[in-house]
């Protein structure tokens, strides 16, 4: 989970504050839990998730406030403490399962994949594509698709991310994961980011990006520029960045919505949906802007529908609607 709430200020700086917030992890605790998971197996280790979830529910007032606001919008005013607990337990479950996914233990899970055929078609054609997700469910569950017999294409997902965030947990997971299953990372905010991304796509790779958090400003993110657009989300205006869509338009790629949703127990539902097609050149600036805006609005609409269908998969524990300053 992220740290303290942002200080009042302009909306853009407060929306990007999550990228500078210190991670709330204890490296020793992470190593202990990882060791227990490897030695004792998933069923026994899952028992530890209950006290962990209760602890964060009771002693993380900032995150609890943000979770409450979200649940009221996704479920309704009847949302209570039990719903907050279910959300935190789902989050803890996906963090634990990352370990097993990265160790190739797909046999432990019931993974159901929907809508992957168009994505595989782009990969087979050597074009690559963008996969836009959110801080919902598990990105590692998406990687399970390449290990399924029903997915014959050579799916090579890379994650576009800020590598300085959540360093502790990523370091532990990288240390215990199999090298061939370790996700490929394309770091944002580096001078070579754009070239690395273009080369990856040209080789038929898939570029995954969680697009539900505003990217940092141009001085921090280099080529990852974009505008913060206010869009209605779960009945309340929220800021979303159109940078990922501008990037897809610049590189002329198709964009798919992706989600690896935790459905309880050992089940994950992996979803892919076509979102936008920027593969054709558009010379009219006004038409290009219209398509980018339409793609962003389509993304937000899909994310909203997903949050209502799987309300306990939302793992944005920060001031998403920028209400703390009011």
C-alpha atoms as a PDB file:
ATOM      1  CA  UNK A   1       0.000   0.000   0.000  1.00  0.00           C
ATOM      2  CA  UNK A   2       1.069   3.554  -0.527  1.00  0.00           C
ATOM      3  CA  UNK A   3       1.986   5.985   2.217  1.00  0.00           C
ATOM      4  CA  UNK A   4       0.628   9.270   3.503  1.00  0.00           C
ATOM      5  CA  UNK A   5      -2.018  11.270   1.644  1.00  0.00           C
ATOM      6  CA  UNK A   6      -0.787  14.055  -0.619  1.00  0.00           C
ATOM      7  CA  UNK A   7      -0.749  17.627   0.534  1.00  0.00           C
ATOM      8  CA  UNK A   8      -3.207  20.087  -0.996  1.00  0.00           C
ATOM      9  CA  UNK A   9      -2.062  21.540  -4.289  1.00  0.00           C
ATOM     10  CA  UNK A  10      -2.923  21.573  -7.937  1.00  0.00           C
ATOM     11  CA  UNK A  11      -4.764  18.487  -9.173  1.00  0.00           C
ATOM     12  CA  UNK A  12      -2.043  17.275 -11.513  1.00  0.00           C
ATOM     13  CA  UNK A  13       0.688  17.260  -8.867  1.00  0.00           C
ATOM     14  CA  UNK A  14      -1.565  15.605  -6.298  1.00  0.00           C
ATOM     15  CA  UNK A  15      -2.698  12.954  -8.780  1.00  0.00           C
ATOM     16  CA  UNK A  16       0.930  12.041  -9.518  1.00  0.00           C
ATOM     17  CA  UNK A  17       1.890  11.950  -5.837  1.00  0.00           C
ATOM     18  CA  UNK A  18       1.446   8.157  -5.709  1.00  0.00           C
ATOM     19  CA  UNK A  19       4.659   7.706  -7.723  1.00  0.00           C
ATOM     20  CA  UNK A  20       6.684   9.432  -4.990  1.00  0.00           C
ATOM     21  CA  UNK A  21       4.917   7.913  -1.979  1.00  0.00           C
ATOM     22  CA  UNK A  22       7.113   5.542   0.047  1.00  0.00           C
ATOM     23  CA  UNK A  23       6.101   1.907  -0.133  1.00  0.00           C
ATOM     24  CA  UNK A  24       4.767   0.411   3.047  1.00  0.00           C
ATOM     25  CA  UNK A  25       6.600  -2.894   3.277  1.00  0.00           C
ATOM     26  CA  UNK A  26       8.935  -4.661   5.651  1.00  0.00           C
ATOM     27  CA  UNK A  27      11.642  -6.574   3.829  1.00  0.00           C
ATOM     28  CA  UNK A  28      12.090  -9.094   6.663  1.00  0.00           C
ATOM     29  CA  UNK A  29       8.359  -9.820   6.827  1.00  0.00           C
ATOM     30  CA  UNK A  30       8.225 -10.253   3.057  1.00  0.00           C
ATOM     31  CA  UNK A  31      11.099 -12.726   3.159  1.00  0.00           C
ATOM     32  CA  UNK A  32       9.499 -14.675   5.997  1.00  0.00           C
ATOM     33  CA  UNK A  33       6.140 -14.915   4.242  1.00  0.00           C
ATOM     34  CA  UNK A  34       7.863 -15.922   0.997  1.00  0.00           C
ATOM     35  CA  UNK A  35       9.780 -18.636   2.816  1.00  0.00           C
ATOM     36  CA  UNK A  36       6.593 -19.947   4.441  1.00  0.00           C
ATOM     37  CA  UNK A  37       4.832 -19.934   1.076  1.00  0.00           C
ATOM     38  CA  UNK A  38       7.554 -22.004  -0.549  1.00  0.00           C
ATOM     39  CA  UNK A  39       7.935 -24.479   2.321  1.00  0.00           C
ATOM     40  CA  UNK A  40       4.313 -24.858   3.434  1.00  0.00           C
ATOM     41  CA  UNK A  41       2.403 -24.400   0.195  1.00  0.00           C
ATOM     42  CA  UNK A  42      -0.470 -22.157  -0.794  1.00  0.00           C
ATOM     43  CA  UNK A  43      -3.373 -23.556   1.321  1.00  0.00           C
ATOM     44  CA  UNK A  44      -1.507 -23.223   4.619  1.00  0.00           C
ATOM     45  CA  UNK A  45       0.110 -19.885   3.773  1.00  0.00           C
ATOM     46  CA  UNK A  46      -3.280 -18.400   2.901  1.00  0.00           C
ATOM     47  CA  UNK A  47      -4.217 -18.688   6.594  1.00  0.00           C
ATOM     48  CA  UNK A  48      -1.717 -15.915   7.322  1.00  0.00           C
ATOM     49  CA  UNK A  49      -3.602 -13.562   5.016  1.00  0.00           C
ATOM     50  CA  UNK A  50      -6.497 -13.213   7.462  1.00  0.00           C
ATOM     51  CA  UNK A  51      -4.563 -11.507  10.296  1.00  0.00           C
ATOM     52  CA  UNK A  52      -2.630  -9.445   7.746  1.00  0.00           C
ATOM     53  CA  UNK A  53      -5.881  -8.163   6.231  1.00  0.00           C
ATOM     54  CA  UNK A  54      -7.357  -7.383   9.648  1.00  0.00           C
ATOM     55  CA  UNK A  55      -4.178  -5.542  10.661  1.00  0.00           C
ATOM     56  CA  UNK A  56      -4.269  -3.204   7.660  1.00  0.00           C
ATOM     57  CA  UNK A  57      -8.007  -2.683   8.028  1.00  0.00           C
ATOM     58  CA  UNK A  58      -7.583  -1.584  11.656  1.00  0.00           C
ATOM     59  CA  UNK A  59      -4.282   0.288  11.572  1.00  0.00           C
ATOM     60  CA  UNK A  60      -4.154   1.982   8.156  1.00  0.00           C
ATOM     61  CA  UNK A  61      -6.678   4.836   8.512  1.00  0.00           C
ATOM     62  CA  UNK A  62      -5.617   6.671   5.350  1.00  0.00           C
ATOM     63  CA  UNK A  63      -5.960   3.622   3.130  1.00  0.00           C
ATOM     64  CA  UNK A  64      -9.163   2.623   4.920  1.00  0.00           C
ATOM     65  CA  UNK A  65     -10.672   6.016   4.111  1.00  0.00           C
ATOM     66  CA  UNK A  66      -9.830   5.654   0.422  1.00  0.00           C
ATOM     67  CA  UNK A  67     -11.166   2.076   0.327  1.00  0.00           C
ATOM     68  CA  UNK A  68     -14.418   3.205   1.952  1.00  0.00           C
ATOM     69  CA  UNK A  69     -14.943   5.924  -0.650  1.00  0.00           C
ATOM     70  CA  UNK A  70     -14.352   3.493  -3.469  1.00  0.00           C
ATOM     71  CA  UNK A  71     -16.647   0.777  -2.079  1.00  0.00           C
ATOM     72  CA  UNK A  72     -19.476   3.254  -1.522  1.00  0.00           C
ATOM     73  CA  UNK A  73     -19.301   4.068  -5.247  1.00  0.00           C
ATOM     74  CA  UNK A  74     -18.763   0.543  -6.552  1.00  0.00           C
ATOM     75  CA  UNK A  75     -21.209  -1.300  -4.258  1.00  0.00           C
ATOM     76  CA  UNK A  76     -23.357   1.362  -2.643  1.00  0.00           C
ATOM     77  CA  UNK A  77     -23.846   2.988   0.764  1.00  0.00           C
ATOM     78  CA  UNK A  78     -24.448  -0.445   2.307  1.00  0.00           C
ATOM     79  CA  UNK A  79     -20.716  -1.227   1.977  1.00  0.00           C
ATOM     80  CA  UNK A  80     -19.223  -1.850   5.405  1.00  0.00           C
ATOM     81  CA  UNK A  81     -16.210  -3.203   7.270  1.00  0.00           C
ATOM     82  CA  UNK A  82     -16.688  -6.702   5.893  1.00  0.00           C
ATOM     83  CA  UNK A  83     -16.415  -5.349   2.356  1.00  0.00           C
ATOM     84  CA  UNK A  84     -13.211  -3.521   3.234  1.00  0.00           C
ATOM     85  CA  UNK A  85     -11.843  -6.741   4.680  1.00  0.00           C
ATOM     86  CA  UNK A  86     -12.770  -8.698   1.540  1.00  0.00           C
ATOM     87  CA  UNK A  87     -10.977  -6.162  -0.629  1.00  0.00           C
ATOM     88  CA  UNK A  88      -7.813  -6.261   1.491  1.00  0.00           C
ATOM     89  CA  UNK A  89      -7.896 -10.058   1.604  1.00  0.00           C
ATOM     90  CA  UNK A  90      -8.208 -10.200  -2.177  1.00  0.00           C
ATOM     91  CA  UNK A  91      -5.229  -7.856  -2.460  1.00  0.00           C
ATOM     92  CA  UNK A  92      -3.163  -9.984  -0.080  1.00  0.00           C
ATOM     93  CA  UNK A  93      -4.178 -13.092  -2.022  1.00  0.00           C
ATOM     94  CA  UNK A  94      -2.948 -11.675  -5.330  1.00  0.00           C
ATOM     95  CA  UNK A  95       0.354 -10.613  -3.751  1.00  0.00           C
ATOM     96  CA  UNK A  96       0.866 -14.137  -2.402  1.00  0.00           C
ATOM     97  CA  UNK A  97      -0.126 -15.722  -5.709  1.00  0.00           C
ATOM     98  CA  UNK A  98       2.449 -13.614  -7.546  1.00  0.00           C
ATOM     99  CA  UNK A  99       5.057 -15.822  -5.922  1.00  0.00           C
ATOM    100  CA  UNK A 100       3.497 -18.997  -7.293  1.00  0.00           C
ATOM    101  CA  UNK A 101       2.918 -17.531 -10.751  1.00  0.00           C
ATOM    102  CA  UNK A 102       6.558 -16.460 -10.937  1.00  0.00           C
ATOM    103  CA  UNK A 103       7.652 -19.950  -9.910  1.00  0.00           C
ATOM    104  CA  UNK A 104       5.618 -21.568 -12.674  1.00  0.00           C
ATOM    105  CA  UNK A 105       3.027 -23.198 -10.389  1.00  0.00           C
ATOM    106  CA  UNK A 106       0.118 -22.724 -12.774  1.00  0.00           C
ATOM    107  CA  UNK A 107      -1.222 -26.093 -11.641  1.00  0.00           C
ATOM    108  CA  UNK A 108      -2.388 -24.480  -8.407  1.00  0.00           C
ATOM    109  CA  UNK A 109      -4.902 -22.252 -10.156  1.00  0.00           C
ATOM    110  CA  UNK A 110      -8.090 -22.366 -12.165  1.00  0.00           C
ATOM    111  CA  UNK A 111      -7.329 -19.733 -14.816  1.00  0.00           C
ATOM    112  CA  UNK A 112     -10.018 -18.922 -17.367  1.00  0.00           C
ATOM    113  CA  UNK A 113      -9.004 -16.787 -20.337  1.00  0.00           C
ATOM    114  CA  UNK A 114     -11.461 -14.783 -22.433  1.00  0.00           C
ATOM    115  CA  UNK A 115     -10.929 -12.742 -25.599  1.00  0.00           C
ATOM    116  CA  UNK A 116      -7.262 -13.607 -26.206  1.00  0.00           C
ATOM    117  CA  UNK A 117      -7.593 -14.538 -29.910  1.00  0.00           C
ATOM    118  CA  UNK A 118      -7.300 -10.956 -31.309  1.00  0.00           C
ATOM    119  CA  UNK A 119      -4.219 -10.333 -29.157  1.00  0.00           C
ATOM    120  CA  UNK A 120      -2.556 -13.492 -30.399  1.00  0.00           C
ATOM    121  CA  UNK A 121      -3.354 -12.491 -33.973  1.00  0.00           C
ATOM    122  CA  UNK A 122      -1.403  -9.244 -33.547  1.00  0.00           C
ATOM    123  CA  UNK A 123       1.541 -11.126 -32.083  1.00  0.00           C
ATOM    124  CA  UNK A 124       1.573 -13.708 -34.873  1.00  0.00           C
ATOM    125  CA  UNK A 125       1.555 -10.866 -37.391  1.00  0.00           C
ATOM    126  CA  UNK A 126       4.667  -9.418 -35.705  1.00  0.00           C
ATOM    127  CA  UNK A 127       3.039  -6.070 -34.939  1.00  0.00           C
ATOM    128  CA  UNK A 128       2.922  -6.134 -31.169  1.00  0.00           C
ATOM    129  CA  UNK A 129       0.237  -4.235 -29.252  1.00  0.00           C
ATOM    130  CA  UNK A 130      -0.499  -2.216 -26.144  1.00  0.00           C
ATOM    131  CA  UNK A 131      -2.392  -3.862 -23.289  1.00  0.00           C
ATOM    132  CA  UNK A 132      -3.887  -1.306 -20.929  1.00  0.00           C
ATOM    133  CA  UNK A 133      -4.950  -2.477 -17.523  1.00  0.00           C
ATOM    134  CA  UNK A 134      -5.438  -0.953 -14.102  1.00  0.00           C
ATOM    135  CA  UNK A 135      -4.480  -1.544 -10.486  1.00  0.00           C
ATOM    136  CA  UNK A 136      -7.120  -4.238 -10.485  1.00  0.00           C
ATOM    137  CA  UNK A 137      -6.466  -7.923  -9.922  1.00  0.00           C
ATOM    138  CA  UNK A 138      -3.123  -9.456 -10.902  1.00  0.00           C
ATOM    139  CA  UNK A 139      -0.847  -8.675 -13.836  1.00  0.00           C
ATOM    140  CA  UNK A 140       1.039 -11.940 -13.230  1.00  0.00           C
ATOM    141  CA  UNK A 141      -2.146 -13.882 -13.969  1.00  0.00           C
ATOM    142  CA  UNK A 142      -1.977 -12.448 -17.497  1.00  0.00           C
ATOM    143  CA  UNK A 143       1.408 -14.038 -17.950  1.00  0.00           C
ATOM    144  CA  UNK A 144      -0.188 -17.429 -17.394  1.00  0.00           C
ATOM    145  CA  UNK A 145      -1.743 -17.183 -20.847  1.00  0.00           C
ATOM    146  CA  UNK A 146       1.541 -18.014 -22.566  1.00  0.00           C
ATOM    147  CA  UNK A 147       1.737 -21.294 -20.670  1.00  0.00           C
ATOM    148  CA  UNK A 148      -1.667 -22.531 -21.780  1.00  0.00           C
ATOM    149  CA  UNK A 149      -2.118 -24.944 -24.655  1.00  0.00           C
ATOM    150  CA  UNK A 150      -4.987 -22.788 -25.881  1.00  0.00           C
ATOM    151  CA  UNK A 151      -2.568 -19.918 -26.419  1.00  0.00           C
ATOM    152  CA  UNK A 152      -0.154 -21.100 -29.140  1.00  0.00           C
ATOM    153  CA  UNK A 153       1.217 -17.687 -29.989  1.00  0.00           C
ATOM    154  CA  UNK A 154       4.515 -16.615 -28.486  1.00  0.00           C
ATOM    155  CA  UNK A 155       3.059 -14.077 -26.070  1.00  0.00           C
ATOM    156  CA  UNK A 156       5.827 -11.928 -24.615  1.00  0.00           C
ATOM    157  CA  UNK A 157       4.344  -9.355 -22.242  1.00  0.00           C
ATOM    158  CA  UNK A 158       6.507  -6.525 -20.924  1.00  0.00           C
ATOM    159  CA  UNK A 159       5.426  -4.170 -18.191  1.00  0.00           C
ATOM    160  CA  UNK A 160       5.872  -0.414 -18.551  1.00  0.00           C
ATOM    161  CA  UNK A 161       6.351   0.903 -15.044  1.00  0.00           C
ATOM    162  CA  UNK A 162       8.240   3.115 -12.655  1.00  0.00           C
ATOM    163  CA  UNK A 163      10.773   0.619 -11.233  1.00  0.00           C
ATOM    164  CA  UNK A 164      11.576   2.787  -8.195  1.00  0.00           C
ATOM    165  CA  UNK A 165       8.112   2.173  -6.731  1.00  0.00           C
ATOM    166  CA  UNK A 166       7.584  -0.949  -4.550  1.00  0.00           C
ATOM    167  CA  UNK A 167      11.292  -1.828  -4.716  1.00  0.00           C
ATOM    168  CA  UNK A 168      11.265  -4.088  -1.669  1.00  0.00           C
ATOM    169  CA  UNK A 169       8.527  -6.451  -2.749  1.00  0.00           C
ATOM    170  CA  UNK A 170       9.797  -6.549  -6.334  1.00  0.00           C
ATOM    171  CA  UNK A 171      13.301  -7.404  -5.091  1.00  0.00           C
ATOM    172  CA  UNK A 172      11.988 -10.332  -3.058  1.00  0.00           C
ATOM    173  CA  UNK A 173       9.816 -11.649  -5.875  1.00  0.00           C
ATOM    174  CA  UNK A 174      12.650 -11.344  -8.394  1.00  0.00           C
ATOM    175  CA  UNK A 175      14.941 -13.277  -6.071  1.00  0.00           C
ATOM    176  CA  UNK A 176      12.564 -16.236  -5.770  1.00  0.00           C
ATOM    177  CA  UNK A 177      11.098 -16.313  -9.288  1.00  0.00           C
ATOM    178  CA  UNK A 178      12.329 -18.462 -12.131  1.00  0.00           C
ATOM    179  CA  UNK A 179      14.418 -16.352 -14.549  1.00  0.00           C
ATOM    180  CA  UNK A 180      12.334 -17.361 -17.565  1.00  0.00           C
ATOM    181  CA  UNK A 181       9.126 -16.331 -15.785  1.00  0.00           C
ATOM    182  CA  UNK A 182      10.399 -13.015 -14.470  1.00  0.00           C
ATOM    183  CA  UNK A 183       8.415 -10.243 -16.182  1.00  0.00           C
ATOM    184  CA  UNK A 184      10.309  -8.083 -18.640  1.00  0.00           C
ATOM    185  CA  UNK A 185      10.309  -4.458 -17.467  1.00  0.00           C
ATOM    186  CA  UNK A 186      10.547  -1.384 -19.688  1.00  0.00           C
ATOM    187  CA  UNK A 187      11.301   1.468 -17.316  1.00  0.00           C
ATOM    188  CA  UNK A 188       9.387   4.708 -17.720  1.00  0.00           C
ATOM    189  CA  UNK A 189      11.107   8.024 -17.265  1.00  0.00           C
ATOM    190  CA  UNK A 190      14.436   6.982 -18.797  1.00  0.00           C
ATOM    191  CA  UNK A 191      16.136   8.563 -21.846  1.00  0.00           C
ATOM    192  CA  UNK A 192      15.986   5.276 -23.749  1.00  0.00           C
ATOM    193  CA  UNK A 193      12.387   4.374 -22.816  1.00  0.00           C
ATOM    194  CA  UNK A 194      10.820   5.233 -26.166  1.00  0.00           C
ATOM    195  CA  UNK A 195      13.416   3.361 -28.230  1.00  0.00           C
ATOM    196  CA  UNK A 196      13.206   0.300 -25.991  1.00  0.00           C
ATOM    197  CA  UNK A 197       9.425   0.290 -26.282  1.00  0.00           C
ATOM    198  CA  UNK A 198       9.444   0.679 -30.059  1.00  0.00           C
ATOM    199  CA  UNK A 199      11.960  -2.137 -30.498  1.00  0.00           C
ATOM    200  CA  UNK A 200       9.957  -4.408 -28.225  1.00  0.00           C
ATOM    201  CA  UNK A 201       6.744  -3.812 -30.173  1.00  0.00           C
ATOM    202  CA  UNK A 202       8.492  -4.219 -33.526  1.00  0.00           C
ATOM    203  CA  UNK A 203       9.656  -7.652 -32.394  1.00  0.00           C
ATOM    204  CA  UNK A 204       6.057  -8.711 -31.735  1.00  0.00           C
ATOM    205  CA  UNK A 205       6.099  -8.076 -28.001  1.00  0.00           C
ATOM    206  CA  UNK A 206       3.171  -6.855 -25.922  1.00  0.00           C
ATOM    207  CA  UNK A 207       3.478  -3.702 -23.817  1.00  0.00           C
ATOM    208  CA  UNK A 208       1.374  -3.680 -20.664  1.00  0.00           C
ATOM    209  CA  UNK A 209       0.608  -0.451 -18.847  1.00  0.00           C
ATOM    210  CA  UNK A 210      -1.641   0.266 -15.877  1.00  0.00           C
ATOM    211  CA  UNK A 211      -3.418   3.377 -17.080  1.00  0.00           C
ATOM    212  CA  UNK A 212      -5.513   4.301 -14.056  1.00  0.00           C
ATOM    213  CA  UNK A 213      -2.900   6.552 -12.454  1.00  0.00           C
ATOM    214  CA  UNK A 214      -1.829   9.899 -13.812  1.00  0.00           C
ATOM    215  CA  UNK A 215       1.716   9.823 -15.131  1.00  0.00           C
ATOM    216  CA  UNK A 216       4.351  12.209 -13.841  1.00  0.00           C
ATOM    217  CA  UNK A 217       4.990  15.494 -15.585  1.00  0.00           C
ATOM    218  CA  UNK A 218       7.276  15.838 -18.643  1.00  0.00           C
ATOM    219  CA  UNK A 219      10.242  16.751 -16.485  1.00  0.00           C
ATOM    220  CA  UNK A 220       9.975  13.388 -14.735  1.00  0.00           C
ATOM    221  CA  UNK A 221       8.669  11.021 -17.369  1.00  0.00           C
ATOM    222  CA  UNK A 222      10.567  12.068 -20.481  1.00  0.00           C
ATOM    223  CA  UNK A 223       8.566  10.930 -23.468  1.00  0.00           C
ATOM    224  CA  UNK A 224       5.543   9.786 -21.421  1.00  0.00           C
ATOM    225  CA  UNK A 225       3.691  13.101 -21.786  1.00  0.00           C
ATOM    226  CA  UNK A 226      -0.060  13.422 -21.650  1.00  0.00           C
ATOM    227  CA  UNK A 227      -2.915  15.523 -20.421  1.00  0.00           C
ATOM    228  CA  UNK A 228      -5.023  14.889 -17.353  1.00  0.00           C
ATOM    229  CA  UNK A 229      -8.611  14.544 -18.519  1.00  0.00           C
ATOM    230  CA  UNK A 230     -11.581  14.690 -16.178  1.00  0.00           C
ATOM    231  CA  UNK A 231     -13.962  11.788 -16.837  1.00  0.00           C
ATOM    232  CA  UNK A 232     -16.898  10.525 -14.809  1.00  0.00           C
ATOM    233  CA  UNK A 233     -15.882   7.333 -13.000  1.00  0.00           C
ATOM    234  CA  UNK A 234     -18.256   5.506 -10.645  1.00  0.00           C
ATOM    235  CA  UNK A 235     -20.479   8.580 -10.552  1.00  0.00           C
ATOM    236  CA  UNK A 236     -17.764  11.059  -9.585  1.00  0.00           C
ATOM    237  CA  UNK A 237     -15.347  13.112 -11.756  1.00  0.00           C
ATOM    238  CA  UNK A 238     -11.830  11.666 -11.746  1.00  0.00           C
ATOM    239  CA  UNK A 239      -8.609  12.471 -13.580  1.00  0.00           C
ATOM    240  CA  UNK A 240      -7.210  10.037 -16.130  1.00  0.00           C
ATOM    241  CA  UNK A 241      -4.132  10.590 -18.240  1.00  0.00           C
ATOM    242  CA  UNK A 242      -4.320  10.225 -22.027  1.00  0.00           C
ATOM    243  CA  UNK A 243      -0.551   9.647 -22.315  1.00  0.00           C
ATOM    244  CA  UNK A 244      -0.840   5.872 -22.946  1.00  0.00           C
ATOM    245  CA  UNK A 245      -3.240   6.498 -25.823  1.00  0.00           C
ATOM    246  CA  UNK A 246      -1.033   9.209 -27.300  1.00  0.00           C
ATOM    247  CA  UNK A 247       1.866   6.782 -27.113  1.00  0.00           C
ATOM    248  CA  UNK A 248      -0.145   4.097 -28.921  1.00  0.00           C
ATOM    249  CA  UNK A 249      -1.180   6.636 -31.566  1.00  0.00           C
ATOM    250  CA  UNK A 250       2.413   7.777 -32.026  1.00  0.00           C
ATOM    251  CA  UNK A 251       3.651   4.204 -32.473  1.00  0.00           C
ATOM    252  CA  UNK A 252       0.520   3.254 -34.493  1.00  0.00           C
ATOM    253  CA  UNK A 253      -0.530   0.165 -32.566  1.00  0.00           C
ATOM    254  CA  UNK A 254      -3.735  -1.485 -31.504  1.00  0.00           C
ATOM    255  CA  UNK A 255      -4.755  -1.186 -27.876  1.00  0.00           C
ATOM    256  CA  UNK A 256      -6.450  -3.898 -25.820  1.00  0.00           C
ATOM    257  CA  UNK A 257      -8.012  -3.688 -22.389  1.00  0.00           C
ATOM    258  CA  UNK A 258      -6.611  -6.354 -20.064  1.00  0.00           C
ATOM    259  CA  UNK A 259      -7.431  -7.602 -16.595  1.00  0.00           C
ATOM    260  CA  UNK A 260      -6.392 -10.609 -14.507  1.00  0.00           C
ATOM    261  CA  UNK A 261      -9.211 -10.726 -11.975  1.00  0.00           C
ATOM    262  CA  UNK A 262      -9.118 -12.643  -8.715  1.00  0.00           C
ATOM    263  CA  UNK A 263     -12.424 -14.496  -8.403  1.00  0.00           C
ATOM    264  CA  UNK A 264     -11.785 -16.096  -5.010  1.00  0.00           C
ATOM    265  CA  UNK A 265     -10.122 -19.308  -3.931  1.00  0.00           C
ATOM    266  CA  UNK A 266      -7.768 -20.425  -6.693  1.00  0.00           C
ATOM    267  CA  UNK A 267      -9.687 -18.916  -9.614  1.00  0.00           C
ATOM    268  CA  UNK A 268      -8.602 -16.078 -11.878  1.00  0.00           C
ATOM    269  CA  UNK A 269     -10.539 -14.661 -14.823  1.00  0.00           C
ATOM    270  CA  UNK A 270      -8.219 -13.207 -17.467  1.00  0.00           C
ATOM    271  CA  UNK A 271      -9.974 -10.816 -19.843  1.00  0.00           C
ATOM    272  CA  UNK A 272      -8.887  -9.150 -23.082  1.00  0.00           C
ATOM    273  CA  UNK A 273     -11.037  -6.686 -25.029  1.00  0.00           C
ATOM    274  CA  UNK A 274     -10.246  -4.564 -28.101  1.00  0.00           C
ATOM    275  CA  UNK A 275     -10.096  -0.940 -27.016  1.00  0.00           C
ATOM    276  CA  UNK A 276      -8.725   1.183 -29.875  1.00  0.00           C
ATOM    277  CA  UNK A 277      -6.981   0.824 -33.208  1.00  0.00           C
ATOM    278  CA  UNK A 278      -4.305   3.424 -33.949  1.00  0.00           C
ATOM    279  CA  UNK A 279      -2.531   1.337 -36.597  1.00  0.00           C
ATOM    280  CA  UNK A 280      -3.579   3.636 -39.458  1.00  0.00           C
ATOM    281  CA  UNK A 281      -1.981   7.047 -39.863  1.00  0.00           C
ATOM    282  CA  UNK A 282      -4.303   9.974 -39.140  1.00  0.00           C
ATOM    283  CA  UNK A 283      -3.136  13.271 -40.649  1.00  0.00           C
ATOM    284  CA  UNK A 284      -5.951  15.444 -39.302  1.00  0.00           C
ATOM    285  CA  UNK A 285      -4.929  16.620 -35.789  1.00  0.00           C
ATOM    286  CA  UNK A 286      -8.537  17.184 -34.759  1.00  0.00           C
ATOM    287  CA  UNK A 287      -9.528  13.655 -35.751  1.00  0.00           C
ATOM    288  CA  UNK A 288      -6.503  12.234 -33.941  1.00  0.00           C
ATOM    289  CA  UNK A 289      -7.485  14.102 -30.768  1.00  0.00           C
ATOM    290  CA  UNK A 290     -11.064  12.847 -31.103  1.00  0.00           C
ATOM    291  CA  UNK A 291      -9.866   9.235 -31.368  1.00  0.00           C
ATOM    292  CA  UNK A 292      -7.578   9.585 -28.372  1.00  0.00           C
ATOM    293  CA  UNK A 293     -10.383  11.054 -26.270  1.00  0.00           C
ATOM    294  CA  UNK A 294     -12.790   8.324 -27.415  1.00  0.00           C
ATOM    295  CA  UNK A 295     -10.262   5.623 -26.521  1.00  0.00           C
ATOM    296  CA  UNK A 296      -9.744   7.119 -23.057  1.00  0.00           C
ATOM    297  CA  UNK A 297     -13.489   7.300 -22.403  1.00  0.00           C
ATOM    298  CA  UNK A 298     -13.906   3.715 -23.602  1.00  0.00           C
ATOM    299  CA  UNK A 299     -11.144   2.617 -21.219  1.00  0.00           C
ATOM    300  CA  UNK A 300     -12.793   4.352 -18.256  1.00  0.00           C
ATOM    301  CA  UNK A 301     -16.194   2.843 -19.127  1.00  0.00           C
ATOM    302  CA  UNK A 302     -14.696  -0.670 -19.211  1.00  0.00           C
ATOM    303  CA  UNK A 303     -12.873  -0.075 -15.942  1.00  0.00           C
ATOM    304  CA  UNK A 304     -16.066   1.129 -14.286  1.00  0.00           C
ATOM    305  CA  UNK A 305     -18.011  -1.925 -15.459  1.00  0.00           C
ATOM    306  CA  UNK A 306     -15.240  -4.183 -14.206  1.00  0.00           C
ATOM    307  CA  UNK A 307     -15.169  -2.521 -10.773  1.00  0.00           C
ATOM    308  CA  UNK A 308     -18.894  -3.117 -10.410  1.00  0.00           C
ATOM    309  CA  UNK A 309     -18.616  -6.745 -11.527  1.00  0.00           C
ATOM    310  CA  UNK A 310     -15.490  -7.491  -9.438  1.00  0.00           C
ATOM    311  CA  UNK A 311     -15.615  -4.802  -6.701  1.00  0.00           C
ATOM    312  CA  UNK A 312     -12.984  -6.406  -4.465  1.00  0.00           C
ATOM    313  CA  UNK A 313     -10.263  -6.285  -7.127  1.00  0.00           C
ATOM    314  CA  UNK A 314      -9.588  -2.529  -6.944  1.00  0.00           C
ATOM    315  CA  UNK A 315      -6.141  -1.970  -5.426  1.00  0.00           C
ATOM    316  CA  UNK A 316      -5.755   1.823  -5.681  1.00  0.00           C
ATOM    317  CA  UNK A 317      -5.140   2.740  -2.062  1.00  0.00           C
ATOM    318  CA  UNK A 318      -4.667   6.459  -2.564  1.00  0.00           C
ATOM    319  CA  UNK A 319      -6.799   9.598  -2.940  1.00  0.00           C
ATOM    320  CA  UNK A 320      -8.078   8.676  -6.387  1.00  0.00           C
ATOM    321  CA  UNK A 321     -10.839  11.301  -6.546  1.00  0.00           C
ATOM    322  CA  UNK A 322      -8.663  13.990  -4.909  1.00  0.00           C
ATOM    323  CA  UNK A 323     -11.036  14.519  -2.009  1.00  0.00           C
ATOM    324  CA  UNK A 324      -8.592  14.929   0.862  1.00  0.00           C
ATOM    325  CA  UNK A 325      -7.882  18.535  -0.080  1.00  0.00           C
ATOM    326  CA  UNK A 326     -11.535  19.540   0.062  1.00  0.00           C
END
